[in-house]
Amino acid sequence: MAWEDLDADRPWEAGFALHDGRRPGVQESIQEATERARAAADMAVQVAKGDDLDRFVTAFDRLAGDDPYLVRAAVFLCEEAIADAQPGLLLDRMDLLGAIATEVSHTEDDLARRCAPRIQMCLADASGQWIDLLREVYRRYPRPIVAWLHARYARHLALSGDGPAPRNITCRPSSVPARRRCSTRQQTGSTPGARCCLGMTIS
C-alpha cells in the first residue's frame, strides 16, 4: 500500500500505511528481508517529503535480490535519480537495475510488468542507449507502452540537443514523488529548454 501511495503523490498516506499496526516502544520480531524492505520504504517516504535522495540510495543498496518490493524500490530509485539530475546513481547500478527490469518484464502481473519499462526508460536516459531499447520494445510491450517510450525518447533528444523539441506531447511525471522535483527544476531553471517530466502521453 505504501508504494501505491507514493506513486499517487501521497507521501503522508504512505507513511501512515507503512507504520499502521506498529506500537511505539515495542520491538518487533521480523525477518531481515522484511526489515530491509521496510527501511527502503521508510526512506522513500522521507525523500518524497523532501529529504535527500542519498538516504534512500543507502537503503536500496542494502536490499537483496529476493527482498519484498525490490522492483518498486528500483523504480523509485530510477525515477528519482533522473528527476534529481543524478544519472550517475543509475550508471553505477546498470547491471543490477537492468536485470531487475528484465526479470519483471516476464511476469504475469500487469502492474508489476509495467515497472519494467519505467526502469528501462530511466536507464536509457542515464546512458543514452535509447536505440537498443526502442528496437526491442516492439517485441515485448503493447502499443501504449511503445508510444510512451517514443515520447520519452523525444524528450531525451530535446534535452540533449540532439533533435527538435517534441511536438504534440503532453508531459506528466509517471512517478509522482518525482513530480515535485521536476516542478522545482522548472521554477529554478535548472532544466533549461524543456519541461522535466518522466511520463508522457500523446495528445
Protein backbone atom coordinates (compact mmCIF):
# COMPACT_ATOMS: atom_id res chain seq x y z
CA MET A 1 0.00 0.00 0.00
CA ALA A 2 2.82 2.44 0.83
CA TRP A 3 4.35 2.17 -2.66
CA GLU A 4 0.98 2.77 -4.30
CA ASP A 5 0.53 5.90 -2.20
CA LEU A 6 3.99 7.11 -3.21
CA ASP A 7 3.17 6.62 -6.88
CA ALA A 8 -0.01 8.63 -6.34
CA ASP A 9 1.90 11.53 -4.71
CA ARG A 10 0.57 10.78 -1.24
CA PRO A 11 3.70 10.58 0.93
CA TRP A 12 1.90 11.22 4.19
CA GLU A 13 -0.61 8.45 3.49
CA ALA A 14 2.30 6.21 2.51
CA GLY A 15 3.91 6.86 5.86
CA PHE A 16 0.68 6.08 7.70
CA ALA A 17 0.27 2.84 5.75
CA LEU A 18 3.85 1.85 6.46
CA HIS A 19 3.51 2.38 10.19
CA ASP A 20 -0.03 1.05 10.55
CA GLY A 21 -0.13 -1.50 13.34
CA ARG A 22 3.23 -0.59 14.82
CA ARG A 23 3.25 0.21 18.51
CA PRO A 24 5.72 2.82 19.82
CA GLY A 25 8.42 1.34 22.04
CA VAL A 26 7.59 -2.25 21.05
CA GLN A 27 10.41 -4.16 19.35
CA GLU A 28 9.00 -6.27 16.55
CA SER A 29 10.40 -9.63 15.54
CA ILE A 30 10.57 -9.61 11.74
CA GLN A 31 12.71 -11.27 9.10
CA GLU A 32 15.81 -9.49 7.87
CA ALA A 33 14.39 -9.22 4.34
CA THR A 34 11.24 -7.57 5.66
CA GLU A 35 13.29 -5.20 7.77
CA ARG A 36 15.40 -4.17 4.76
CA ALA A 37 12.30 -3.68 2.61
CA ARG A 38 10.63 -1.61 5.31
CA ALA A 39 13.74 0.54 5.75
CA ALA A 40 13.80 1.25 2.00
CA ALA A 41 10.13 2.20 2.02
CA ASP A 42 10.69 4.42 5.06
CA MET A 43 13.48 6.27 3.27
CA ALA A 44 11.38 6.56 0.10
CA VAL A 45 8.65 8.26 2.10
CA GLN A 46 11.17 10.71 3.54
CA VAL A 47 12.55 11.50 0.09
CA ALA A 48 9.01 12.06 -1.18
CA LYS A 49 8.58 14.56 1.65
CA GLY A 50 11.71 16.44 0.59
CA ASP A 51 14.73 14.68 2.07
CA ASP A 52 17.91 14.00 0.09
CA LEU A 53 17.87 11.01 -2.23
CA ASP A 54 21.14 9.74 -0.75
CA ARG A 55 19.28 8.37 2.27
CA PHE A 56 17.17 6.15 0.05
CA VAL A 57 20.17 5.06 -2.04
CA THR A 58 21.84 3.68 1.07
CA ALA A 59 18.72 1.69 1.97
CA PHE A 60 18.32 0.45 -1.61
CA ASP A 61 21.90 -0.83 -1.74
CA ARG A 62 21.20 -2.97 1.31
CA LEU A 63 18.36 -4.83 -0.42
CA ALA A 64 18.94 -8.40 -1.56
CA GLY A 65 17.71 -9.96 -4.79
CA ASP A 66 14.70 -11.72 -3.27
CA ASP A 67 13.61 -8.98 -0.85
CA PRO A 68 9.97 -7.89 -0.96
CA TYR A 69 9.19 -4.84 -3.13
CA LEU A 70 12.65 -4.76 -4.68
CA VAL A 71 11.10 -3.87 -8.05
CA ARG A 72 9.12 -0.94 -6.62
CA ALA A 73 12.24 0.30 -4.85
CA ALA A 74 14.18 0.08 -8.13
CA VAL A 75 11.52 2.13 -9.95
CA PHE A 76 11.62 4.75 -7.21
CA LEU A 77 15.42 4.98 -7.36
CA CYS A 78 15.45 5.26 -11.16
CA GLU A 79 12.79 7.93 -11.49
CA GLU A 80 14.01 9.97 -8.55
CA ALA A 81 17.60 9.85 -9.81
CA ILE A 82 16.56 11.16 -13.23
CA ALA A 83 14.30 13.81 -11.69
CA ASP A 84 17.14 14.84 -9.36
CA ALA A 85 19.64 15.03 -12.25
CA GLN A 86 21.82 12.27 -10.79
CA PRO A 87 22.20 9.77 -13.64
CA GLY A 88 25.44 8.54 -12.10
CA LEU A 89 23.40 6.74 -9.44
CA LEU A 90 21.91 4.60 -12.20
CA LEU A 91 25.11 4.18 -14.20
CA ASP A 92 26.77 2.73 -11.11
CA ARG A 93 23.96 0.16 -10.85
CA MET A 94 23.20 -0.50 -14.52
CA ASP A 95 23.66 -4.28 -14.39
CA LEU A 96 21.52 -4.73 -11.28
CA LEU A 97 18.72 -2.43 -12.43
CA GLY A 98 18.74 -3.90 -15.93
CA ALA A 99 18.46 -7.42 -14.51
CA ILE A 100 15.53 -6.36 -12.32
CA ALA A 101 13.74 -4.84 -15.31
CA THR A 102 14.34 -7.89 -17.49
CA GLU A 103 13.04 -10.28 -14.86
CA VAL A 104 9.90 -8.31 -14.08
CA SER A 105 9.12 -7.81 -17.79
CA HIS A 106 8.26 -11.53 -17.97
CA THR A 107 5.88 -11.62 -15.02
CA GLU A 108 2.16 -12.28 -15.46
CA ASP A 109 1.23 -9.39 -13.16
CA ASP A 110 0.34 -6.41 -15.39
CA LEU A 111 1.05 -3.84 -12.67
CA ALA A 112 4.44 -5.33 -11.88
CA ARG A 113 5.30 -5.75 -15.57
CA ARG A 114 4.67 -2.04 -16.15
CA CYS A 115 7.58 -1.34 -13.81
CA ALA A 116 10.00 -2.78 -16.38
CA PRO A 117 9.71 0.00 -19.00
CA ARG A 118 9.77 2.61 -16.25
CA ILE A 119 13.17 1.31 -15.16
CA GLN A 120 14.41 0.82 -18.73
CA MET A 121 13.49 4.35 -19.81
CA CYS A 122 15.40 5.84 -16.91
CA LEU A 123 18.43 3.67 -17.68
CA ALA A 124 18.27 4.84 -21.30
CA ASP A 125 18.07 8.45 -20.13
CA ALA A 126 21.13 7.92 -17.95
CA SER A 127 23.22 6.02 -20.51
CA GLY A 128 21.90 7.45 -23.78
CA GLN A 129 21.31 3.91 -25.06
CA TRP A 130 17.85 4.59 -26.40
CA ILE A 131 18.19 2.93 -29.82
CA ASP A 132 18.73 -0.57 -28.43
CA LEU A 133 15.72 -0.16 -26.16
CA LEU A 134 13.47 1.11 -28.94
CA ARG A 135 14.43 -1.86 -31.13
CA GLU A 136 13.31 -4.39 -28.55
CA VAL A 137 10.12 -2.78 -27.24
CA TYR A 138 8.02 -3.85 -30.25
CA ARG A 139 8.54 -7.49 -29.34
CA ARG A 140 7.80 -7.07 -25.66
CA TYR A 141 5.28 -4.30 -24.94
CA PRO A 142 1.80 -3.27 -26.11
CA ARG A 143 1.29 -0.18 -28.28
CA PRO A 144 0.53 2.29 -25.44
CA ILE A 145 3.87 1.43 -23.81
CA VAL A 146 5.68 1.70 -27.15
CA ALA A 147 4.17 5.16 -27.67
CA TRP A 148 5.23 6.12 -24.14
CA LEU A 149 8.82 5.06 -24.85
CA HIS A 150 8.91 7.03 -28.10
CA ALA A 151 7.64 10.11 -26.26
CA ARG A 152 10.34 9.71 -23.62
CA TYR A 153 12.93 9.32 -26.37
CA ALA A 154 11.70 12.57 -27.93
CA ARG A 155 12.11 14.24 -24.56
CA HIS A 156 15.64 12.85 -24.29
CA LEU A 157 16.53 14.27 -27.71
CA ALA A 158 15.09 17.66 -26.80
CA LEU A 159 17.01 17.83 -23.52
CA SER A 160 20.27 16.60 -25.03
CA GLY A 161 20.06 18.95 -28.01
CA ASP A 162 20.24 16.06 -30.50
CA GLY A 163 16.87 16.70 -32.07
CA PRO A 164 13.92 19.08 -32.36
CA ALA A 165 11.71 19.69 -29.39
CA PRO A 166 8.91 17.11 -29.25
CA ARG A 167 5.57 18.27 -30.62
CA ASN A 168 2.05 17.32 -29.64
CA ILE A 169 3.26 15.73 -26.44
CA THR A 170 1.65 16.27 -23.08
CA CYS A 171 4.02 15.69 -20.19
CA ARG A 172 3.26 14.38 -16.77
CA PRO A 173 5.54 12.65 -14.26
CA SER A 174 4.85 8.92 -14.04
CA SER A 175 6.28 8.55 -10.57
CA VAL A 176 4.99 11.35 -8.53
CA PRO A 177 7.28 11.88 -5.70
CA ALA A 178 9.44 12.94 -8.68
CA ARG A 179 6.79 15.46 -9.76
CA ARG A 180 7.76 17.97 -7.09
CA ARG A 181 11.44 17.72 -8.03
CA CYS A 182 10.56 18.29 -11.68
CA SER A 183 8.38 21.24 -10.77
CA THR A 184 11.19 22.75 -8.73
CA ARG A 185 13.54 22.48 -11.69
CA GLN A 186 11.05 24.27 -13.90
CA GLN A 187 10.78 27.11 -11.40
CA THR A 188 14.52 27.45 -10.81
CA GLY A 189 15.51 26.94 -14.42
CA SER A 190 17.85 24.07 -13.62
CA THR A 191 16.41 22.08 -16.51
CA PRO A 192 16.79 24.67 -19.29
CA GLY A 193 14.88 24.45 -22.53
CA ALA A 194 12.47 21.68 -21.62
CA ARG A 195 9.98 20.60 -19.04
CA CYS A 196 11.23 17.91 -16.71
CA CYS A 197 8.81 15.05 -16.99
CA LEU A 198 9.13 11.28 -16.72
CA GLY A 199 5.80 10.21 -18.14
CA MET A 200 4.22 11.40 -21.37
CA THR A 201 1.02 10.87 -23.25
CA ILE A 202 0.48 11.67 -26.88
CA SER A 203 -2.14 14.37 -27.38
